[in-house]
Amino acid sequence: MARTRATGSGRASDQSREEAPKRKNYRLPQSKLDAARRLLGTKTETETIERALDLVAFGERLAAATERARGRPWNDIFGAMEASGAKTEP
C-alpha cells in the first residue's frame, strides 16, 4: 500500500488521494494479531491491521460487483454478510 504525505495545500502529494494516517489505540488480542501477521506476511502490527481492513473492503466491493454482474445477491455460504446486516436473499 502506497504511503502519501499531505502537502501544504492539504492535498495528497500523489494521485491516490489516500488519507493521512491518524494515531489510534485499540485493545486487541495479541494472538489474533500474530495469526493475522503470519497469514498476511506483514512485518508490523500496523501493516497487518491495514492489510486486513483492505481485504475486508475488497471483499465487500467484490460481493457487490458479483451481485451487479449476476443480477442477484452473492451466495454467502459462511453467513458473514447476514451477520453484518447485508442482504443475501437469492
C-alpha atoms as a PDB file:
ATOM      1  CA  MET A   1       0.000   0.000   0.000  1.00  0.00           C
ATOM      2  CA  ALA A   2       1.486   3.324  -1.034  1.00  0.00           C
ATOM      3  CA  ARG A   3       2.022   5.994   1.575  1.00  0.00           C
ATOM      4  CA  THR A   4       1.403   9.628   0.853  1.00  0.00           C
ATOM      5  CA  ARG A   5       2.198  12.817   2.657  1.00  0.00           C
ATOM      6  CA  ALA A   6      -0.086  15.778   2.842  1.00  0.00           C
ATOM      7  CA  THR A   7       1.296  18.886   1.206  1.00  0.00           C
ATOM      8  CA  GLY A   8       0.822  22.414   2.451  1.00  0.00           C
ATOM      9  CA  SER A   9      -2.318  22.697   0.312  1.00  0.00           C
ATOM     10  CA  GLY A  10      -3.987  19.907   2.294  1.00  0.00           C
ATOM     11  CA  ARG A  11      -3.937  17.540  -0.713  1.00  0.00           C
ATOM     12  CA  ALA A  12      -2.052  14.277  -1.026  1.00  0.00           C
ATOM     13  CA  SER A  13       1.247  14.524  -2.866  1.00  0.00           C
ATOM     14  CA  ASP A  14       0.305  11.747  -5.315  1.00  0.00           C
ATOM     15  CA  GLN A  15      -2.904  10.932  -7.133  1.00  0.00           C
ATOM     16  CA  SER A  16      -4.034   8.101  -4.816  1.00  0.00           C
ATOM     17  CA  ARG A  17      -5.688  10.676  -2.514  1.00  0.00           C
ATOM     18  CA  GLU A  18      -5.080   8.424   0.470  1.00  0.00           C
ATOM     19  CA  GLU A  19      -5.901   9.928   3.836  1.00  0.00           C
ATOM     20  CA  ALA A  20      -3.101  10.818   6.172  1.00  0.00           C
ATOM     21  CA  PRO A  21      -2.905   8.162   8.914  1.00  0.00           C
ATOM     22  CA  LYS A  22      -4.266   9.076  12.338  1.00  0.00           C
ATOM     23  CA  ARG A  23      -2.969   7.672  15.575  1.00  0.00           C
ATOM     24  CA  LYS A  24      -5.403   5.195  17.159  1.00  0.00           C
ATOM     25  CA  ASN A  25      -5.296   2.978  20.224  1.00  0.00           C
ATOM     26  CA  TYR A  26      -7.097  -0.362  20.302  1.00  0.00           C
ATOM     27  CA  ARG A  27      -7.245  -3.251  22.718  1.00  0.00           C
ATOM     28  CA  LEU A  28      -6.782  -6.365  20.562  1.00  0.00           C
ATOM     29  CA  PRO A  29      -5.853  -9.939  21.455  1.00  0.00           C
ATOM     30  CA  GLN A  30      -2.152 -10.418  20.659  1.00  0.00           C
ATOM     31  CA  SER A  31      -2.846 -13.939  19.404  1.00  0.00           C
ATOM     32  CA  LYS A  32      -5.164 -12.579  16.690  1.00  0.00           C
ATOM     33  CA  LEU A  33      -2.594 -10.015  15.587  1.00  0.00           C
ATOM     34  CA  ASP A  34       0.140 -12.665  15.494  1.00  0.00           C
ATOM     35  CA  ALA A  35      -2.033 -15.073  13.487  1.00  0.00           C
ATOM     36  CA  ALA A  36      -3.050 -12.366  11.022  1.00  0.00           C
ATOM     37  CA  ARG A  37       0.556 -11.227  10.650  1.00  0.00           C
ATOM     38  CA  ARG A  38       1.673 -14.768   9.805  1.00  0.00           C
ATOM     39  CA  LEU A  39      -1.184 -15.290   7.330  1.00  0.00           C
ATOM     40  CA  LEU A  40      -0.729 -11.927   5.621  1.00  0.00           C
ATOM     41  CA  GLY A  41       3.060 -11.989   5.663  1.00  0.00           C
ATOM     42  CA  THR A  42       3.268  -8.495   7.119  1.00  0.00           C
ATOM     43  CA  LYS A  43       6.131  -7.120   9.191  1.00  0.00           C
ATOM     44  CA  THR A  44       4.370  -4.774  11.611  1.00  0.00           C
ATOM     45  CA  GLU A  45       1.105  -4.777  13.517  1.00  0.00           C
ATOM     46  CA  THR A  46       0.047  -1.555  11.808  1.00  0.00           C
ATOM     47  CA  GLU A  47       0.687  -3.072   8.375  1.00  0.00           C
ATOM     48  CA  THR A  48      -1.249  -6.167   9.461  1.00  0.00           C
ATOM     49  CA  ILE A  49      -4.299  -4.151  10.519  1.00  0.00           C
ATOM     50  CA  GLU A  50      -4.186  -2.010   7.364  1.00  0.00           C
ATOM     51  CA  ARG A  51      -3.936  -5.081   5.110  1.00  0.00           C
ATOM     52  CA  ALA A  52      -6.775  -6.839   6.954  1.00  0.00           C
ATOM     53  CA  LEU A  53      -9.015  -3.772   6.610  1.00  0.00           C
ATOM     54  CA  ASP A  54      -8.129  -3.533   2.915  1.00  0.00           C
ATOM     55  CA  LEU A  55      -9.135  -7.184   2.466  1.00  0.00           C
ATOM     56  CA  VAL A  56     -12.492  -6.622   4.187  1.00  0.00           C
ATOM     57  CA  ALA A  57     -13.219  -3.606   1.977  1.00  0.00           C
ATOM     58  CA  PHE A  58     -12.135  -5.544  -1.131  1.00  0.00           C
ATOM     59  CA  GLY A  59     -14.407  -8.461  -0.193  1.00  0.00           C
ATOM     60  CA  GLU A  60     -17.365  -6.122   0.121  1.00  0.00           C
ATOM     61  CA  ARG A  61     -16.608  -4.499  -3.263  1.00  0.00           C
ATOM     62  CA  LEU A  62     -16.190  -7.945  -4.837  1.00  0.00           C
ATOM     63  CA  ALA A  63     -19.521  -9.166  -3.428  1.00  0.00           C
ATOM     64  CA  ALA A  64     -21.308  -6.009  -4.629  1.00  0.00           C
ATOM     65  CA  ALA A  65     -19.771  -6.311  -8.112  1.00  0.00           C
ATOM     66  CA  THR A  66     -20.695 -10.002  -8.276  1.00  0.00           C
ATOM     67  CA  GLU A  67     -24.267  -9.147  -7.309  1.00  0.00           C
ATOM     68  CA  ARG A  68     -24.464  -6.480 -10.014  1.00  0.00           C
ATOM     69  CA  ALA A  69     -22.991  -8.841 -12.614  1.00  0.00           C
ATOM     70  CA  ARG A  70     -25.308 -11.717 -11.724  1.00  0.00           C
ATOM     71  CA  GLY A  71     -28.364  -9.559 -11.078  1.00  0.00           C
ATOM     72  CA  ARG A  72     -28.867 -11.181  -7.687  1.00  0.00           C
ATOM     73  CA  PRO A  73     -27.026 -11.361  -4.336  1.00  0.00           C
ATOM     74  CA  TRP A  74     -23.873 -13.363  -3.887  1.00  0.00           C
ATOM     75  CA  ASN A  75     -24.326 -16.742  -2.168  1.00  0.00           C
ATOM     76  CA  ASP A  76     -22.618 -16.142   1.177  1.00  0.00           C
ATOM     77  CA  ILE A  77     -22.045 -19.709   2.402  1.00  0.00           C
ATOM     78  CA  PHE A  78     -20.443 -18.544   5.652  1.00  0.00           C
ATOM     79  CA  GLY A  79     -23.220 -16.155   6.668  1.00  0.00           C
ATOM     80  CA  ALA A  80     -20.763 -13.310   7.205  1.00  0.00           C
ATOM     81  CA  MET A  81     -22.821 -10.808   5.222  1.00  0.00           C
ATOM     82  CA  GLU A  82     -26.019 -11.745   7.070  1.00  0.00           C
ATOM     83  CA  ALA A  83     -24.245 -11.164  10.369  1.00  0.00           C
ATOM     84  CA  SER A  84     -23.223  -7.691   9.156  1.00  0.00           C
ATOM     85  CA  GLY A  85     -26.810  -6.853   8.177  1.00  0.00           C
ATOM     86  CA  ALA A  86     -26.235  -7.076   4.421  1.00  0.00           C
ATOM     87  CA  LYS A  87     -28.984  -8.503   2.213  1.00  0.00           C
ATOM     88  CA  THR A  88     -28.292 -12.061   0.991  1.00  0.00           C
ATOM     89  CA  GLU A  89     -31.611 -13.329  -0.388  1.00  0.00           C
ATOM     90  CA  PRO A  90     -31.264 -15.449  -3.586  1.00  0.00           C
END
